[in-house]
Amino acid sequence: MQKTESPTYLKAITIRDQSDIHSIKDDMKKNMILILRVTPLAQKDVEQLRKLVEELYAQAKNFNADIARLGEERIIVTPPGVKIWKPEYDLK
């Protein structure tokens, strides 16, 4: 009998306010690939967006996930085992 692996899902989410962080963390626990659109929150409250992104980075680190910006409007989060290629100049 062949063992089947569970699929990895990709989910796109628009972040509108701080309360969206809870469902994002749940999806991170489920090892989903997440594409997060931050424009609505950025237009509403840049400081709140900054805090949310810092929290996401910390959470990604806790889960051994990878996280990076996709241009100005999006952030991608990948589960352990999926790494995001980042150009040399982008690394800090």
N, C-alpha and C. Protein backbone atom coordinates (compact mmCIF):
# COMPACT_ATOMS: atom_id res chain seq x y z
N MET A 1 0.85 -1.19 0.00
CA MET A 1 0.00 0.00 0.00
C MET A 1 0.89 1.24 0.00
N GLN A 2 0.57 2.19 -0.82
CA GLN A 2 1.39 3.39 -0.97
C GLN A 2 0.93 4.47 0.01
N LYS A 3 1.91 5.06 0.68
CA LYS A 3 1.61 6.14 1.62
C LYS A 3 1.43 7.44 0.83
N THR A 4 0.32 8.13 1.07
CA THR A 4 0.10 9.40 0.38
C THR A 4 0.38 10.55 1.34
N GLU A 5 1.13 11.51 0.85
CA GLU A 5 1.42 12.69 1.66
C GLU A 5 0.27 13.67 1.57
N SER A 6 0.05 14.39 2.66
CA SER A 6 -1.00 15.41 2.60
C SER A 6 -0.49 16.57 1.76
N PRO A 7 -1.37 17.18 0.99
CA PRO A 7 -0.93 18.27 0.11
C PRO A 7 -0.58 19.52 0.90
N THR A 8 0.23 20.37 0.29
CA THR A 8 0.52 21.69 0.84
C THR A 8 -0.38 22.68 0.11
N TYR A 9 -1.13 23.45 0.87
CA TYR A 9 -2.05 24.40 0.27
C TYR A 9 -1.44 25.79 0.20
N LEU A 10 -1.83 26.54 -0.83
CA LEU A 10 -1.47 27.94 -0.98
C LEU A 10 -2.74 28.74 -0.77
N LYS A 11 -2.64 29.77 0.08
CA LYS A 11 -3.81 30.57 0.40
C LYS A 11 -3.47 32.05 0.29
N ALA A 12 -4.31 32.82 -0.38
CA ALA A 12 -4.14 34.27 -0.48
C ALA A 12 -5.09 34.93 0.51
N ILE A 13 -4.55 35.88 1.29
CA ILE A 13 -5.32 36.55 2.33
C ILE A 13 -5.09 38.05 2.20
N THR A 14 -6.16 38.82 2.32
CA THR A 14 -6.04 40.28 2.40
C THR A 14 -6.13 40.66 3.86
N ILE A 15 -5.09 41.35 4.35
CA ILE A 15 -5.06 41.79 5.74
C ILE A 15 -5.72 43.16 5.84
N ARG A 16 -6.79 43.21 6.60
CA ARG A 16 -7.53 44.47 6.76
C ARG A 16 -7.31 45.11 8.12
N ASP A 17 -7.08 44.27 9.16
CA ASP A 17 -6.78 44.81 10.48
C ASP A 17 -6.06 43.77 11.33
N GLN A 18 -5.70 44.18 12.53
CA GLN A 18 -4.89 43.35 13.44
C GLN A 18 -5.54 42.00 13.74
N SER A 19 -6.86 41.93 13.74
CA SER A 19 -7.55 40.69 14.09
C SER A 19 -7.28 39.56 13.09
N ASP A 20 -6.83 39.90 11.88
CA ASP A 20 -6.53 38.88 10.87
C ASP A 20 -5.33 38.02 11.25
N ILE A 21 -4.51 38.47 12.20
CA ILE A 21 -3.29 37.75 12.58
C ILE A 21 -3.62 36.36 13.14
N HIS A 22 -4.76 36.21 13.81
CA HIS A 22 -5.10 34.93 14.43
C HIS A 22 -5.30 33.83 13.38
N SER A 23 -6.06 34.14 12.34
CA SER A 23 -6.28 33.13 11.29
C SER A 23 -4.99 32.86 10.52
N ILE A 24 -4.15 33.88 10.37
CA ILE A 24 -2.86 33.69 9.68
C ILE A 24 -1.98 32.73 10.49
N LYS A 25 -1.92 32.93 11.80
CA LYS A 25 -1.12 32.03 12.65
C LYS A 25 -1.66 30.60 12.58
N ASP A 26 -2.99 30.45 12.56
CA ASP A 26 -3.58 29.10 12.44
C ASP A 26 -3.16 28.46 11.12
N ASP A 27 -3.18 29.24 10.04
CA ASP A 27 -2.78 28.71 8.73
C ASP A 27 -1.28 28.36 8.71
N MET A 28 -0.46 29.13 9.43
CA MET A 28 0.97 28.82 9.52
C MET A 28 1.16 27.47 10.22
N LYS A 29 0.37 27.22 11.25
CA LYS A 29 0.45 25.94 11.98
C LYS A 29 0.08 24.77 11.07
N LYS A 30 -0.79 25.05 10.08
CA LYS A 30 -1.22 24.01 9.13
C LYS A 30 -0.24 23.84 7.98
N ASN A 31 0.92 24.53 8.06
CA ASN A 31 1.97 24.46 7.03
C ASN A 31 1.49 24.89 5.65
N MET A 32 0.67 25.92 5.61
CA MET A 32 0.21 26.46 4.33
C MET A 32 1.23 27.46 3.80
N ILE A 33 1.23 27.64 2.49
CA ILE A 33 1.95 28.74 1.86
C ILE A 33 0.96 29.90 1.81
N LEU A 34 1.36 31.05 2.36
CA LEU A 34 0.44 32.17 2.47
C LEU A 34 0.95 33.36 1.67
N ILE A 35 0.08 33.95 0.89
CA ILE A 35 0.38 35.20 0.21
C ILE A 35 -0.54 36.24 0.85
N LEU A 36 0.08 37.20 1.53
CA LEU A 36 -0.67 38.17 2.32
C LEU A 36 -0.64 39.53 1.64
N ARG A 37 -1.80 40.05 1.32
CA ARG A 37 -1.91 41.37 0.71
C ARG A 37 -2.11 42.39 1.83
N VAL A 38 -1.19 43.34 1.93
CA VAL A 38 -1.19 44.27 3.06
C VAL A 38 -1.69 45.67 2.72
N THR A 39 -2.00 45.93 1.46
CA THR A 39 -2.37 47.29 1.03
C THR A 39 -3.52 47.91 1.83
N PRO A 40 -4.65 47.21 2.07
CA PRO A 40 -5.73 47.86 2.82
C PRO A 40 -5.31 48.34 4.21
N LEU A 41 -4.53 47.54 4.93
CA LEU A 41 -4.07 47.95 6.24
C LEU A 41 -3.04 49.07 6.13
N ALA A 42 -2.19 49.02 5.13
CA ALA A 42 -1.18 50.07 4.93
C ALA A 42 -1.85 51.41 4.68
N GLN A 43 -2.95 51.40 3.95
CA GLN A 43 -3.66 52.65 3.66
C GLN A 43 -4.38 53.19 4.89
N LYS A 44 -4.74 52.26 5.81
CA LYS A 44 -5.50 52.65 6.99
C LYS A 44 -4.58 53.08 8.15
N ASP A 45 -3.53 52.25 8.44
CA ASP A 45 -2.70 52.49 9.63
C ASP A 45 -1.33 51.85 9.44
N VAL A 46 -0.35 52.64 9.03
CA VAL A 46 0.99 52.13 8.74
C VAL A 46 1.66 51.57 10.00
N GLU A 47 1.45 52.22 11.14
CA GLU A 47 2.06 51.76 12.39
C GLU A 47 1.50 50.39 12.79
N GLN A 48 0.21 50.21 12.64
CA GLN A 48 -0.40 48.91 12.95
C GLN A 48 0.14 47.84 12.01
N LEU A 49 0.33 48.18 10.75
CA LEU A 49 0.90 47.24 9.79
C LEU A 49 2.31 46.85 10.19
N ARG A 50 3.13 47.82 10.60
CA ARG A 50 4.50 47.54 11.02
C ARG A 50 4.52 46.54 12.18
N LYS A 51 3.65 46.75 13.18
CA LYS A 51 3.57 45.85 14.34
C LYS A 51 3.13 44.45 13.90
N LEU A 52 2.16 44.40 13.01
CA LEU A 52 1.66 43.11 12.53
C LEU A 52 2.76 42.34 11.78
N VAL A 53 3.51 43.05 10.95
CA VAL A 53 4.59 42.39 10.19
C VAL A 53 5.68 41.89 11.14
N GLU A 54 6.02 42.68 12.16
CA GLU A 54 7.01 42.22 13.14
C GLU A 54 6.53 40.96 13.85
N GLU A 55 5.25 40.91 14.18
CA GLU A 55 4.67 39.73 14.83
C GLU A 55 4.71 38.52 13.88
N LEU A 56 4.42 38.76 12.61
CA LEU A 56 4.48 37.67 11.62
C LEU A 56 5.89 37.12 11.47
N TYR A 57 6.88 38.02 11.43
CA TYR A 57 8.28 37.56 11.33
C TYR A 57 8.66 36.71 12.52
N ALA A 58 8.28 37.14 13.73
CA ALA A 58 8.58 36.38 14.94
C ALA A 58 7.90 35.02 14.91
N GLN A 59 6.64 35.00 14.50
CA GLN A 59 5.88 33.76 14.42
C GLN A 59 6.49 32.81 13.38
N ALA A 60 6.88 33.34 12.24
CA ALA A 60 7.51 32.53 11.20
C ALA A 60 8.79 31.89 11.73
N LYS A 61 9.56 32.66 12.47
CA LYS A 61 10.80 32.14 13.05
C LYS A 61 10.49 30.99 14.02
N ASN A 62 9.45 31.16 14.84
CA ASN A 62 9.05 30.11 15.79
C ASN A 62 8.66 28.81 15.09
N PHE A 63 8.04 28.92 13.92
CA PHE A 63 7.59 27.74 13.17
C PHE A 63 8.63 27.23 12.18
N ASN A 64 9.82 27.84 12.17
CA ASN A 64 10.84 27.52 11.16
C ASN A 64 10.32 27.75 9.75
N ALA A 65 9.42 28.71 9.62
CA ALA A 65 8.87 29.08 8.31
C ALA A 65 9.78 30.14 7.70
N ASP A 66 9.57 30.43 6.43
CA ASP A 66 10.32 31.49 5.75
C ASP A 66 9.33 32.58 5.38
N ILE A 67 9.80 33.82 5.38
CA ILE A 67 8.92 34.95 5.12
C ILE A 67 9.69 36.01 4.34
N ALA A 68 9.02 36.63 3.38
CA ALA A 68 9.67 37.67 2.57
C ALA A 68 8.61 38.56 1.94
N ARG A 69 9.05 39.74 1.51
CA ARG A 69 8.17 40.65 0.79
C ARG A 69 8.09 40.23 -0.67
N LEU A 70 6.92 40.42 -1.24
CA LEU A 70 6.71 40.28 -2.68
C LEU A 70 6.31 41.66 -3.18
N GLY A 71 7.28 42.47 -3.50
CA GLY A 71 6.98 43.83 -3.93
C GLY A 71 6.48 44.69 -2.78
N GLU A 72 5.72 45.71 -3.11
CA GLU A 72 5.25 46.66 -2.10
C GLU A 72 3.96 46.21 -1.41
N GLU A 73 3.19 45.34 -2.05
CA GLU A 73 1.84 45.06 -1.56
C GLU A 73 1.66 43.71 -0.89
N ARG A 74 2.64 42.81 -1.01
CA ARG A 74 2.41 41.45 -0.53
C ARG A 74 3.59 40.90 0.27
N ILE A 75 3.25 39.93 1.12
CA ILE A 75 4.23 39.18 1.90
C ILE A 75 3.92 37.71 1.65
N ILE A 76 4.97 36.90 1.52
CA ILE A 76 4.78 35.46 1.36
C ILE A 76 5.37 34.76 2.58
N VAL A 77 4.65 33.75 3.06
CA VAL A 77 5.10 32.92 4.17
C VAL A 77 5.06 31.48 3.69
N THR A 78 6.17 30.77 3.86
CA THR A 78 6.23 29.37 3.44
C THR A 78 6.53 28.48 4.64
N PRO A 79 6.04 27.24 4.62
CA PRO A 79 6.26 26.33 5.75
C PRO A 79 7.69 25.81 5.77
N PRO A 80 8.07 25.15 6.87
CA PRO A 80 9.40 24.53 6.93
C PRO A 80 9.60 23.61 5.72
N GLY A 81 10.78 23.61 5.17
CA GLY A 81 11.06 22.77 4.01
C GLY A 81 10.86 23.50 2.68
N VAL A 82 10.21 24.66 2.71
CA VAL A 82 10.05 25.48 1.51
C VAL A 82 10.75 26.80 1.78
N LYS A 83 11.81 27.06 1.07
CA LYS A 83 12.59 28.28 1.30
C LYS A 83 12.36 29.26 0.16
N ILE A 84 12.44 30.53 0.49
CA ILE A 84 12.25 31.61 -0.47
C ILE A 84 13.63 32.09 -0.91
N TRP A 85 13.87 32.09 -2.22
CA TRP A 85 15.13 32.61 -2.72
C TRP A 85 15.12 34.12 -2.59
N LYS A 86 16.20 34.64 -1.98
CA LYS A 86 16.31 36.08 -1.79
C LYS A 86 17.63 36.52 -2.40
N PRO A 87 17.61 37.53 -3.27
CA PRO A 87 18.85 38.00 -3.86
C PRO A 87 19.83 38.46 -2.77
N GLU A 88 21.12 38.38 -3.06
CA GLU A 88 22.15 38.74 -2.09
C GLU A 88 21.94 40.13 -1.51
N TYR A 89 21.60 41.10 -2.35
CA TYR A 89 21.45 42.47 -1.88
C TYR A 89 20.25 42.65 -0.95
N ASP A 90 19.33 41.68 -0.96
CA ASP A 90 18.13 41.77 -0.13
C ASP A 90 18.38 41.25 1.27
N LEU A 91 19.45 40.51 1.48
CA LEU A 91 19.72 39.92 2.78
C LEU A 91 20.34 40.94 3.71
N LYS A 92 19.96 40.86 4.96
CA LYS A 92 20.52 41.80 5.94
C LYS A 92 21.09 41.05 7.11
